[in-house]
Amino acid sequence: MYRVFTVLGLSFCLATTSQAYAATASAPSFAEVPMRPSLPPGGQAGELAMTLPPAADIGEAIGAGPATRQALGPKVMVRVDISSQTMTVLVHGKVAYVWKVSTARRGYATPTGFWTPYRMHVMWRSRKYDNAPMPHSIFFNGGFAIHATPYVTRLGSPASHGCVRLHPDNAKALFALVKQYGPSTVRVSIEK
């Protein structure tokens, strides 16, 4: 047997048979999560709505505990594959772009791992390499950045001092995307 409950315009169907209860008796059900009255957004006194407690309280209420809570994934994922000299850009988990890149040539290294961009410049000049221009720079690890290059014929093969080079149009598009979503929601992944 099932009962339908409507709360704030949403319907919930709960099993009420003793068999269903026995199957779920080891873990509290969603219905056992404590609800708290609060004012709806823009509401006035006398207009109460029931709201769920913060996510931490829900996890603990259903027996999950804080260890099972997960952070939201990145909105933009930038994956650089050194072996194929390509960059794949995913937005909300879907492939938006696949571009050729140039990573470190012989004698230099592009770091591998995961980072969050921490600095961006429409135009930056390398202090280490003769004031070389680095348009649309997205710094992700120390002095390493993703940036535009004028040497577009070398894209698809290792050619840099360690940075990830892109076609100027692609670097501009990536820069705009990171700026739109915010660097804190972006992850850069570089693998061999």
N, C-alpha and C. Protein backbone atom coordinates (compact mmCIF):
# COMPACT_ATOMS: atom_id res chain seq x y z
N MET A 1 0.84 -1.17 0.00
CA MET A 1 0.00 0.00 0.00
C MET A 1 0.89 1.24 0.00
N TYR A 2 0.47 2.25 -0.72
CA TYR A 2 1.23 3.48 -0.82
C TYR A 2 0.35 4.66 -0.45
N ARG A 3 0.95 5.70 0.12
CA ARG A 3 0.23 6.94 0.42
C ARG A 3 0.92 8.06 -0.31
N VAL A 4 0.16 8.97 -0.86
CA VAL A 4 0.71 10.12 -1.58
C VAL A 4 0.58 11.35 -0.68
N PHE A 5 1.70 12.05 -0.50
CA PHE A 5 1.72 13.28 0.29
C PHE A 5 2.09 14.43 -0.63
N THR A 6 1.46 15.57 -0.45
CA THR A 6 1.80 16.74 -1.24
C THR A 6 2.33 17.80 -0.29
N VAL A 7 3.54 18.25 -0.57
CA VAL A 7 4.17 19.29 0.23
C VAL A 7 4.66 20.36 -0.72
N LEU A 8 4.19 21.59 -0.54
CA LEU A 8 4.60 22.72 -1.37
C LEU A 8 4.42 22.42 -2.85
N GLY A 9 3.34 21.76 -3.20
CA GLY A 9 3.05 21.48 -4.59
C GLY A 9 3.78 20.27 -5.16
N LEU A 10 4.63 19.60 -4.38
CA LEU A 10 5.34 18.42 -4.83
C LEU A 10 4.71 17.19 -4.21
N SER A 11 4.51 16.17 -5.00
CA SER A 11 3.90 14.93 -4.49
C SER A 11 4.96 13.90 -4.22
N PHE A 12 4.80 13.20 -3.08
CA PHE A 12 5.70 12.12 -2.69
C PHE A 12 4.86 10.87 -2.47
N CYS A 13 5.37 9.74 -2.92
CA CYS A 13 4.68 8.48 -2.74
C CYS A 13 5.51 7.65 -1.78
N LEU A 14 4.91 7.23 -0.66
CA LEU A 14 5.62 6.45 0.35
C LEU A 14 4.93 5.11 0.55
N ALA A 15 5.74 4.07 0.64
CA ALA A 15 5.20 2.73 0.90
C ALA A 15 4.80 2.66 2.36
N THR A 16 3.66 2.02 2.62
CA THR A 16 3.21 1.90 4.00
C THR A 16 3.02 0.45 4.43
N THR A 17 3.37 -0.50 3.58
CA THR A 17 3.20 -1.90 3.96
C THR A 17 4.28 -2.30 4.93
N SER A 18 4.02 -3.34 5.71
CA SER A 18 5.02 -3.81 6.66
C SER A 18 6.24 -4.36 5.94
N GLN A 19 6.08 -4.95 4.74
CA GLN A 19 7.21 -5.45 3.97
C GLN A 19 8.12 -4.30 3.54
N ALA A 20 7.53 -3.23 3.06
CA ALA A 20 8.33 -2.09 2.63
C ALA A 20 9.06 -1.48 3.82
N TYR A 21 8.39 -1.42 4.97
CA TYR A 21 9.04 -0.87 6.16
C TYR A 21 10.20 -1.77 6.58
N ALA A 22 10.02 -3.07 6.52
CA ALA A 22 11.07 -4.00 6.93
C ALA A 22 12.28 -3.86 6.02
N ALA A 23 12.05 -3.62 4.73
CA ALA A 23 13.16 -3.48 3.79
C ALA A 23 13.96 -2.23 4.04
N THR A 24 13.32 -1.20 4.58
CA THR A 24 14.01 0.07 4.79
C THR A 24 14.23 0.39 6.25
N ALA A 25 13.95 -0.54 7.14
CA ALA A 25 14.05 -0.27 8.57
C ALA A 25 15.47 0.03 9.01
N SER A 26 16.47 -0.45 8.28
CA SER A 26 17.86 -0.22 8.69
C SER A 26 18.32 1.21 8.43
N ALA A 27 17.71 1.89 7.48
CA ALA A 27 18.10 3.27 7.19
C ALA A 27 16.87 4.15 7.27
N PRO A 28 16.99 5.31 7.89
CA PRO A 28 15.84 6.22 7.97
C PRO A 28 15.40 6.64 6.57
N SER A 29 14.12 6.87 6.39
CA SER A 29 13.62 7.31 5.09
C SER A 29 13.70 8.81 4.98
N PHE A 30 13.48 9.28 3.76
CA PHE A 30 13.49 10.72 3.51
C PHE A 30 12.44 11.41 4.38
N ALA A 31 11.33 10.71 4.63
CA ALA A 31 10.26 11.31 5.42
C ALA A 31 10.70 11.60 6.85
N GLU A 32 11.75 10.93 7.33
CA GLU A 32 12.22 11.14 8.70
C GLU A 32 13.18 12.31 8.83
N VAL A 33 13.57 12.92 7.70
CA VAL A 33 14.46 14.07 7.77
C VAL A 33 13.70 15.22 8.39
N PRO A 34 14.25 15.86 9.41
CA PRO A 34 13.52 16.94 10.07
C PRO A 34 13.29 18.13 9.14
N MET A 35 12.11 18.69 9.19
CA MET A 35 11.77 19.87 8.40
C MET A 35 11.68 21.05 9.35
N ARG A 36 12.03 22.23 8.85
CA ARG A 36 11.97 23.43 9.67
C ARG A 36 11.11 24.48 8.99
N PRO A 37 10.26 25.15 9.74
CA PRO A 37 9.48 26.22 9.12
C PRO A 37 10.35 27.43 8.86
N SER A 38 10.08 28.11 7.76
CA SER A 38 10.80 29.35 7.46
C SER A 38 9.93 30.19 6.54
N LEU A 39 10.32 31.43 6.37
CA LEU A 39 9.60 32.31 5.46
C LEU A 39 10.06 32.01 4.05
N PRO A 40 9.12 31.95 3.08
CA PRO A 40 9.54 31.78 1.69
C PRO A 40 10.25 33.04 1.22
N PRO A 41 11.08 32.96 0.17
CA PRO A 41 11.76 34.16 -0.32
C PRO A 41 10.77 35.26 -0.62
N GLY A 42 10.99 36.43 -0.06
CA GLY A 42 10.11 37.57 -0.27
C GLY A 42 8.80 37.45 0.49
N GLY A 43 8.68 36.43 1.34
CA GLY A 43 7.45 36.21 2.08
C GLY A 43 7.32 37.14 3.27
N GLN A 44 6.12 37.16 3.84
CA GLN A 44 5.86 37.99 5.00
C GLN A 44 5.48 37.09 6.16
N ALA A 45 5.50 37.66 7.35
CA ALA A 45 5.11 36.90 8.54
C ALA A 45 3.72 36.32 8.30
N GLY A 46 3.51 35.11 8.74
CA GLY A 46 2.24 34.44 8.54
C GLY A 46 2.25 33.51 7.34
N GLU A 47 3.25 33.68 6.45
CA GLU A 47 3.38 32.80 5.29
C GLU A 47 4.56 31.87 5.53
N LEU A 48 4.31 30.76 6.16
CA LEU A 48 5.38 29.81 6.45
C LEU A 48 5.46 28.74 5.39
N ALA A 49 6.65 28.33 5.11
CA ALA A 49 6.88 27.21 4.20
C ALA A 49 7.82 26.25 4.89
N MET A 50 7.77 24.98 4.54
CA MET A 50 8.68 24.00 5.13
C MET A 50 9.91 23.88 4.24
N THR A 51 11.07 23.97 4.83
CA THR A 51 12.30 23.85 4.06
C THR A 51 13.15 22.75 4.66
N LEU A 52 13.96 22.15 3.82
CA LEU A 52 14.86 21.12 4.29
C LEU A 52 16.01 21.75 5.05
N PRO A 53 16.57 21.05 6.00
CA PRO A 53 17.74 21.56 6.70
C PRO A 53 18.94 21.58 5.76
N PRO A 54 20.05 22.21 6.14
CA PRO A 54 21.23 22.22 5.29
C PRO A 54 21.66 20.80 4.93
N ALA A 55 22.38 20.67 3.80
CA ALA A 55 22.77 19.36 3.29
C ALA A 55 23.50 18.51 4.33
N ALA A 56 24.30 19.14 5.18
CA ALA A 56 25.04 18.40 6.20
C ALA A 56 24.07 17.69 7.14
N ASP A 57 22.98 18.39 7.51
CA ASP A 57 22.00 17.79 8.40
C ASP A 57 21.24 16.66 7.72
N ILE A 58 20.96 16.80 6.42
CA ILE A 58 20.25 15.75 5.69
C ILE A 58 21.09 14.49 5.65
N GLY A 59 22.37 14.64 5.28
CA GLY A 59 23.26 13.47 5.21
C GLY A 59 23.32 12.74 6.53
N GLU A 60 23.44 13.48 7.61
CA GLU A 60 23.51 12.85 8.92
C GLU A 60 22.16 12.27 9.31
N ALA A 61 21.07 12.93 8.91
CA ALA A 61 19.74 12.44 9.28
C ALA A 61 19.43 11.11 8.61
N ILE A 62 19.94 10.89 7.39
CA ILE A 62 19.65 9.62 6.71
C ILE A 62 20.77 8.62 6.92
N GLY A 63 21.69 8.93 7.83
CA GLY A 63 22.72 7.98 8.19
C GLY A 63 23.94 8.02 7.30
N ALA A 64 24.01 8.98 6.38
CA ALA A 64 25.13 9.01 5.45
C ALA A 64 26.38 9.60 6.10
N GLY A 65 26.20 10.59 6.96
CA GLY A 65 27.34 11.22 7.61
C GLY A 65 28.08 12.16 6.69
N PRO A 66 28.94 12.98 7.23
CA PRO A 66 29.62 13.99 6.43
C PRO A 66 30.59 13.41 5.41
N ALA A 67 31.07 12.19 5.59
CA ALA A 67 32.06 11.63 4.66
C ALA A 67 31.47 11.36 3.28
N THR A 68 30.15 11.24 3.17
CA THR A 68 29.55 10.91 1.87
C THR A 68 29.16 12.14 1.07
N ARG A 69 29.24 13.32 1.67
CA ARG A 69 28.90 14.52 0.93
C ARG A 69 29.99 14.80 -0.09
N GLN A 70 29.59 15.23 -1.30
CA GLN A 70 30.57 15.52 -2.34
C GLN A 70 30.39 16.95 -2.83
N ALA A 71 31.50 17.57 -3.19
CA ALA A 71 31.45 18.91 -3.75
C ALA A 71 30.95 18.82 -5.19
N LEU A 72 30.37 19.89 -5.65
CA LEU A 72 29.94 19.94 -7.04
C LEU A 72 31.17 19.93 -7.93
N GLY A 73 31.06 19.27 -9.06
CA GLY A 73 32.18 19.19 -10.00
C GLY A 73 32.39 20.52 -10.70
N PRO A 74 33.49 20.62 -11.44
CA PRO A 74 33.77 21.87 -12.15
C PRO A 74 32.75 22.11 -13.26
N LYS A 75 32.50 23.38 -13.53
CA LYS A 75 31.61 23.73 -14.64
C LYS A 75 32.36 23.62 -15.96
N VAL A 76 33.65 23.94 -15.93
CA VAL A 76 34.48 23.86 -17.13
C VAL A 76 35.69 22.99 -16.81
N MET A 77 35.93 21.98 -17.64
CA MET A 77 37.09 21.10 -17.48
C MET A 77 37.96 21.26 -18.72
N VAL A 78 39.23 21.59 -18.50
CA VAL A 78 40.19 21.75 -19.59
C VAL A 78 41.17 20.59 -19.49
N ARG A 79 41.11 19.67 -20.44
CA ARG A 79 41.98 18.49 -20.42
C ARG A 79 43.03 18.61 -21.52
N VAL A 80 44.29 18.55 -21.11
CA VAL A 80 45.39 18.61 -22.07
C VAL A 80 46.04 17.23 -22.10
N ASP A 81 46.13 16.66 -23.30
CA ASP A 81 46.76 15.36 -23.49
C ASP A 81 48.10 15.61 -24.19
N ILE A 82 49.18 15.44 -23.44
CA ILE A 82 50.51 15.72 -23.98
C ILE A 82 50.85 14.76 -25.12
N SER A 83 50.46 13.49 -25.00
CA SER A 83 50.83 12.52 -26.04
C SER A 83 50.18 12.82 -27.38
N SER A 84 48.96 13.34 -27.37
CA SER A 84 48.28 13.67 -28.64
C SER A 84 48.36 15.16 -28.97
N GLN A 85 48.94 15.96 -28.05
CA GLN A 85 49.04 17.41 -28.24
C GLN A 85 47.68 18.02 -28.57
N THR A 86 46.69 17.64 -27.74
CA THR A 86 45.34 18.18 -27.91
C THR A 86 44.79 18.68 -26.59
N MET A 87 43.84 19.57 -26.69
CA MET A 87 43.09 20.07 -25.53
C MET A 87 41.62 19.81 -25.80
N THR A 88 40.96 19.24 -24.81
CA THR A 88 39.51 19.04 -24.88
C THR A 88 38.90 19.89 -23.79
N VAL A 89 37.93 20.72 -24.17
CA VAL A 89 37.25 21.60 -23.22
C VAL A 89 35.83 21.09 -23.05
N LEU A 90 35.49 20.76 -21.80
CA LEU A 90 34.14 20.31 -21.49
C LEU A 90 33.43 21.38 -20.69
N VAL A 91 32.19 21.65 -21.04
CA VAL A 91 31.36 22.60 -20.30
C VAL A 91 30.16 21.82 -19.78
N HIS A 92 30.01 21.79 -18.45
CA HIS A 92 28.96 21.01 -17.80
C HIS A 92 29.01 19.55 -18.25
N GLY A 93 30.23 19.01 -18.41
CA GLY A 93 30.41 17.61 -18.75
C GLY A 93 30.27 17.26 -20.22
N LYS A 94 30.00 18.23 -21.06
CA LYS A 94 29.84 17.97 -22.50
C LYS A 94 30.99 18.62 -23.28
N VAL A 95 31.49 17.89 -24.27
CA VAL A 95 32.61 18.41 -25.06
C VAL A 95 32.16 19.63 -25.84
N ALA A 96 32.85 20.75 -25.61
CA ALA A 96 32.56 21.99 -26.31
C ALA A 96 33.60 22.26 -27.40
N TYR A 97 34.87 21.93 -27.13
CA TYR A 97 35.95 22.18 -28.08
C TYR A 97 37.01 21.09 -27.99
N VAL A 98 37.65 20.82 -29.12
CA VAL A 98 38.85 20.00 -29.17
C VAL A 98 39.82 20.76 -30.06
N TRP A 99 40.98 21.14 -29.48
CA TRP A 99 41.95 21.96 -30.19
C TRP A 99 43.34 21.34 -30.15
N LYS A 100 44.15 21.68 -31.16
CA LYS A 100 45.57 21.32 -31.14
C LYS A 100 46.29 22.28 -30.19
N VAL A 101 47.30 21.76 -29.50
CA VAL A 101 48.12 22.58 -28.61
C VAL A 101 49.59 22.28 -28.87
N SER A 102 50.44 23.08 -28.28
CA SER A 102 51.87 22.78 -28.18
C SER A 102 52.24 22.83 -26.71
N THR A 103 52.84 21.74 -26.24
CA THR A 103 53.36 21.70 -24.88
C THR A 103 54.88 21.71 -24.97
N ALA A 104 55.55 21.37 -23.89
CA ALA A 104 57.01 21.50 -23.80
C ALA A 104 57.77 20.70 -24.85
N ARG A 105 58.73 21.35 -25.45
CA ARG A 105 59.63 20.67 -26.39
C ARG A 105 60.75 19.98 -25.59
N ARG A 106 61.59 19.26 -26.28
CA ARG A 106 62.70 18.54 -25.65
C ARG A 106 63.55 19.50 -24.81
N GLY A 107 63.87 19.05 -23.60
CA GLY A 107 64.68 19.87 -22.69
C GLY A 107 63.84 20.69 -21.71
N TYR A 108 62.53 20.71 -21.91
CA TYR A 108 61.60 21.44 -21.04
C TYR A 108 60.49 20.49 -20.61
N ALA A 109 59.68 20.91 -19.66
CA ALA A 109 58.59 20.05 -19.18
C ALA A 109 57.33 20.85 -18.94
N THR A 110 56.21 20.26 -19.33
CA THR A 110 54.89 20.78 -18.98
C THR A 110 54.43 19.95 -17.78
N PRO A 111 54.07 20.61 -16.68
CA PRO A 111 53.67 19.84 -15.48
C PRO A 111 52.39 19.04 -15.73
N THR A 112 52.32 17.87 -15.12
CA THR A 112 51.09 17.07 -15.20
C THR A 112 50.39 17.12 -13.85
N GLY A 113 49.08 17.00 -13.88
CA GLY A 113 48.28 17.03 -12.66
C GLY A 113 47.00 17.80 -12.87
N PHE A 114 46.41 18.25 -11.74
CA PHE A 114 45.14 18.98 -11.74
C PHE A 114 45.31 20.32 -11.04
N TRP A 115 44.75 21.38 -11.63
CA TRP A 115 44.85 22.71 -11.04
C TRP A 115 43.57 23.51 -11.27
N THR A 116 43.46 24.58 -10.50
CA THR A 116 42.44 25.59 -10.70
C THR A 116 43.16 26.86 -11.12
N PRO A 117 42.74 27.50 -12.22
CA PRO A 117 43.40 28.74 -12.63
C PRO A 117 43.39 29.75 -11.49
N TYR A 118 44.50 30.47 -11.34
CA TYR A 118 44.57 31.43 -10.24
C TYR A 118 44.83 32.85 -10.70
N ARG A 119 45.17 33.03 -11.97
CA ARG A 119 45.46 34.37 -12.48
C ARG A 119 45.20 34.40 -13.98
N MET A 120 44.66 35.51 -14.48
CA MET A 120 44.38 35.66 -15.91
C MET A 120 44.80 37.05 -16.37
N HIS A 121 45.35 37.12 -17.58
CA HIS A 121 45.76 38.40 -18.17
C HIS A 121 45.42 38.39 -19.65
N VAL A 122 44.80 39.48 -20.11
CA VAL A 122 44.53 39.61 -21.55
C VAL A 122 45.87 39.64 -22.29
N MET A 123 46.86 40.33 -21.71
CA MET A 123 48.20 40.32 -22.28
C MET A 123 49.21 40.23 -21.14
N TRP A 124 50.11 39.28 -21.23
CA TRP A 124 51.19 39.11 -20.27
C TRP A 124 52.47 38.94 -21.05
N ARG A 125 53.56 39.39 -20.48
CA ARG A 125 54.87 39.21 -21.12
C ARG A 125 55.75 38.38 -20.19
N SER A 126 56.41 37.41 -20.77
CA SER A 126 57.26 36.50 -20.00
C SER A 126 58.49 37.22 -19.48
N ARG A 127 58.64 37.24 -18.17
CA ARG A 127 59.83 37.83 -17.57
C ARG A 127 61.02 36.91 -17.76
N LYS A 128 60.75 35.62 -17.91
CA LYS A 128 61.82 34.63 -18.00
C LYS A 128 62.36 34.49 -19.43
N TYR A 129 61.51 34.68 -20.42
CA TYR A 129 61.90 34.45 -21.81
C TYR A 129 61.80 35.72 -22.65
N ASP A 130 62.71 36.65 -22.42
CA ASP A 130 62.89 37.86 -23.25
C ASP A 130 61.63 38.67 -23.49
N ASN A 131 60.80 38.78 -22.47
CA ASN A 131 59.60 39.61 -22.59
C ASN A 131 58.64 39.10 -23.68
N ALA A 132 58.68 37.81 -23.96
CA ALA A 132 57.83 37.22 -25.01
C ALA A 132 56.35 37.42 -24.69
N PRO A 133 55.55 37.80 -25.69
CA PRO A 133 54.12 38.02 -25.43
C PRO A 133 53.39 36.70 -25.17
N MET A 134 52.45 36.76 -24.24
CA MET A 134 51.61 35.61 -23.88
C MET A 134 50.15 36.08 -23.83
N PRO A 135 49.54 36.31 -25.01
CA PRO A 135 48.16 36.81 -25.02
C PRO A 135 47.17 35.81 -24.43
N HIS A 136 46.15 36.34 -23.79
CA HIS A 136 45.08 35.54 -23.18
C HIS A 136 45.63 34.43 -22.29
N SER A 137 46.46 34.83 -21.34
CA SER A 137 47.10 33.89 -20.42
C SER A 137 46.17 33.49 -19.29
N ILE A 138 46.15 32.18 -19.05
CA ILE A 138 45.42 31.62 -17.91
C ILE A 138 46.46 30.83 -17.12
N PHE A 139 46.93 31.41 -16.01
CA PHE A 139 47.97 30.77 -15.19
C PHE A 139 47.32 29.73 -14.29
N PHE A 140 47.92 28.53 -14.28
CA PHE A 140 47.35 27.44 -13.50
C PHE A 140 48.32 26.83 -12.50
N ASN A 141 49.65 27.03 -12.70
CA ASN A 141 50.64 26.43 -11.80
C ASN A 141 51.92 27.26 -11.86
N GLY A 142 52.15 28.07 -10.84
CA GLY A 142 53.35 28.91 -10.84
C GLY A 142 53.39 29.78 -12.08
N GLY A 143 54.50 29.69 -12.84
CA GLY A 143 54.64 30.48 -14.07
C GLY A 143 54.10 29.79 -15.30
N PHE A 144 53.45 28.63 -15.15
CA PHE A 144 52.90 27.90 -16.29
C PHE A 144 51.49 28.41 -16.59
N ALA A 145 51.25 28.61 -17.89
CA ALA A 145 49.96 29.15 -18.32
C ALA A 145 49.51 28.50 -19.62
N ILE A 146 48.24 28.65 -19.87
CA ILE A 146 47.67 28.36 -21.19
C ILE A 146 47.58 29.72 -21.86
N HIS A 147 48.12 29.84 -23.06
CA HIS A 147 48.10 31.15 -23.73
C HIS A 147 48.19 31.00 -25.24
N ALA A 148 47.91 32.09 -25.94
CA ALA A 148 47.98 32.12 -27.40
C ALA A 148 49.42 32.14 -27.88
N THR A 149 49.61 31.67 -29.10
CA THR A 149 50.93 31.69 -29.72
C THR A 149 50.81 32.17 -31.16
N PRO A 150 51.81 32.89 -31.66
CA PRO A 150 51.80 33.25 -33.09
C PRO A 150 52.31 32.10 -33.96
N TYR A 151 52.91 31.09 -33.34
CA TYR A 151 53.50 29.97 -34.08
C TYR A 151 52.46 28.87 -34.32
N VAL A 152 51.41 29.21 -35.05
CA VAL A 152 50.28 28.29 -35.22
C VAL A 152 50.66 27.06 -36.06
N THR A 153 51.67 27.16 -36.91
CA THR A 153 52.05 25.99 -37.72
C THR A 153 52.67 24.89 -36.86
N ARG A 154 53.12 25.23 -35.66
CA ARG A 154 53.73 24.23 -34.77
C ARG A 154 52.73 23.59 -33.82
N LEU A 155 51.47 24.06 -33.84
CA LEU A 155 50.45 23.46 -32.99
C LEU A 155 50.25 22.00 -33.39
N GLY A 156 50.10 21.15 -32.39
CA GLY A 156 49.98 19.72 -32.65
C GLY A 156 51.29 19.00 -32.42
N SER A 157 52.34 19.77 -32.09
CA SER A 157 53.64 19.17 -31.77
C SER A 157 54.28 19.95 -30.63
N PRO A 158 55.15 19.31 -29.84
CA PRO A 158 55.81 20.01 -28.72
C PRO A 158 56.67 21.17 -29.23
N ALA A 159 56.49 22.35 -28.63
CA ALA A 159 57.24 23.52 -29.11
C ALA A 159 57.49 24.58 -28.04
N SER A 160 56.91 24.42 -26.84
CA SER A 160 56.98 25.49 -25.85
C SER A 160 58.07 25.24 -24.81
N HIS A 161 58.21 26.23 -23.92
CA HIS A 161 59.12 26.09 -22.78
C HIS A 161 58.43 25.41 -21.59
N GLY A 162 57.19 25.00 -21.78
CA GLY A 162 56.44 24.34 -20.71
C GLY A 162 54.99 24.78 -20.64
N CYS A 163 54.70 25.95 -21.15
CA CYS A 163 53.31 26.42 -21.17
C CYS A 163 52.52 25.62 -22.21
N VAL A 164 51.21 25.78 -22.16
CA VAL A 164 50.33 25.16 -23.14
C VAL A 164 49.92 26.25 -24.12
N ARG A 165 50.37 26.09 -25.35
CA ARG A 165 50.08 27.10 -26.38
C ARG A 165 48.85 26.72 -27.20
N LEU A 166 48.09 27.75 -27.55
CA LEU A 166 46.88 27.60 -28.35
C LEU A 166 46.88 28.57 -29.52
N HIS A 167 46.07 28.25 -30.53
CA HIS A 167 45.81 29.20 -31.62
C HIS A 167 45.21 30.46 -30.98
N PRO A 168 45.55 31.65 -31.47
CA PRO A 168 45.01 32.88 -30.86
C PRO A 168 43.48 32.91 -30.74
N ASP A 169 42.78 32.43 -31.75
CA ASP A 169 41.31 32.43 -31.68
C ASP A 169 40.82 31.49 -30.57
N ASN A 170 41.47 30.34 -30.44
CA ASN A 170 41.07 29.38 -29.41
C ASN A 170 41.42 29.88 -28.02
N ALA A 171 42.58 30.51 -27.88
CA ALA A 171 42.99 31.06 -26.59
C ALA A 171 42.00 32.15 -26.14
N LYS A 172 41.57 32.95 -27.09
CA LYS A 172 40.60 34.01 -26.78
C LYS A 172 39.26 33.42 -26.35
N ALA A 173 38.82 32.36 -27.05
CA ALA A 173 37.55 31.70 -26.70
C ALA A 173 37.65 31.05 -25.31
N LEU A 174 38.77 30.37 -25.01
CA LEU A 174 38.93 29.75 -23.70
C LEU A 174 38.99 30.80 -22.60
N PHE A 175 39.71 31.89 -22.85
CA PHE A 175 39.82 32.98 -21.88
C PHE A 175 38.42 33.52 -21.54
N ALA A 176 37.60 33.74 -22.58
CA ALA A 176 36.24 34.25 -22.37
C ALA A 176 35.39 33.26 -21.58
N LEU A 177 35.56 31.96 -21.87
CA LEU A 177 34.81 30.93 -21.17
C LEU A 177 35.18 30.88 -19.69
N VAL A 178 36.47 30.93 -19.39
CA VAL A 178 36.92 30.90 -18.00
C VAL A 178 36.45 32.16 -17.27
N LYS A 179 36.51 33.28 -17.95
CA LYS A 179 36.04 34.54 -17.35
C LYS A 179 34.53 34.48 -17.09
N GLN A 180 33.78 33.90 -18.03
CA GLN A 180 32.32 33.80 -17.89
C GLN A 180 31.94 32.95 -16.67
N TYR A 181 32.56 31.79 -16.52
CA TYR A 181 32.19 30.89 -15.43
C TYR A 181 32.96 31.18 -14.14
N GLY A 182 34.07 31.88 -14.24
CA GLY A 182 34.89 32.18 -13.07
C GLY A 182 35.96 31.12 -12.88
N PRO A 183 37.21 31.55 -12.67
CA PRO A 183 38.33 30.59 -12.54
C PRO A 183 38.12 29.53 -11.46
N SER A 184 37.41 29.86 -10.40
CA SER A 184 37.23 28.89 -9.32
C SER A 184 36.37 27.70 -9.71
N THR A 185 35.62 27.80 -10.81
CA THR A 185 34.77 26.70 -11.26
C THR A 185 35.41 25.92 -12.41
N VAL A 186 36.68 26.23 -12.70
CA VAL A 186 37.40 25.61 -13.81
C VAL A 186 38.49 24.70 -13.27
N ARG A 187 38.68 23.52 -13.90
CA ARG A 187 39.79 22.65 -13.55
C ARG A 187 40.61 22.41 -14.80
N VAL A 188 41.92 22.46 -14.62
CA VAL A 188 42.86 22.16 -15.70
C VAL A 188 43.50 20.82 -15.37
N SER A 189 43.41 19.89 -16.31
CA SER A 189 43.99 18.56 -16.15
C SER A 189 45.00 18.36 -17.26
N ILE A 190 46.24 18.03 -16.89
CA ILE A 190 47.26 17.76 -17.89
C ILE A 190 47.81 16.37 -17.64
N GLU A 191 47.76 15.55 -18.68
CA GLU A 191 48.25 14.17 -18.54
C GLU A 191 49.11 13.80 -19.74
N LYS A 192 50.00 12.81 -19.50
CA LYS A 192 50.88 12.36 -20.58
C LYS A 192 50.18 11.37 -21.47
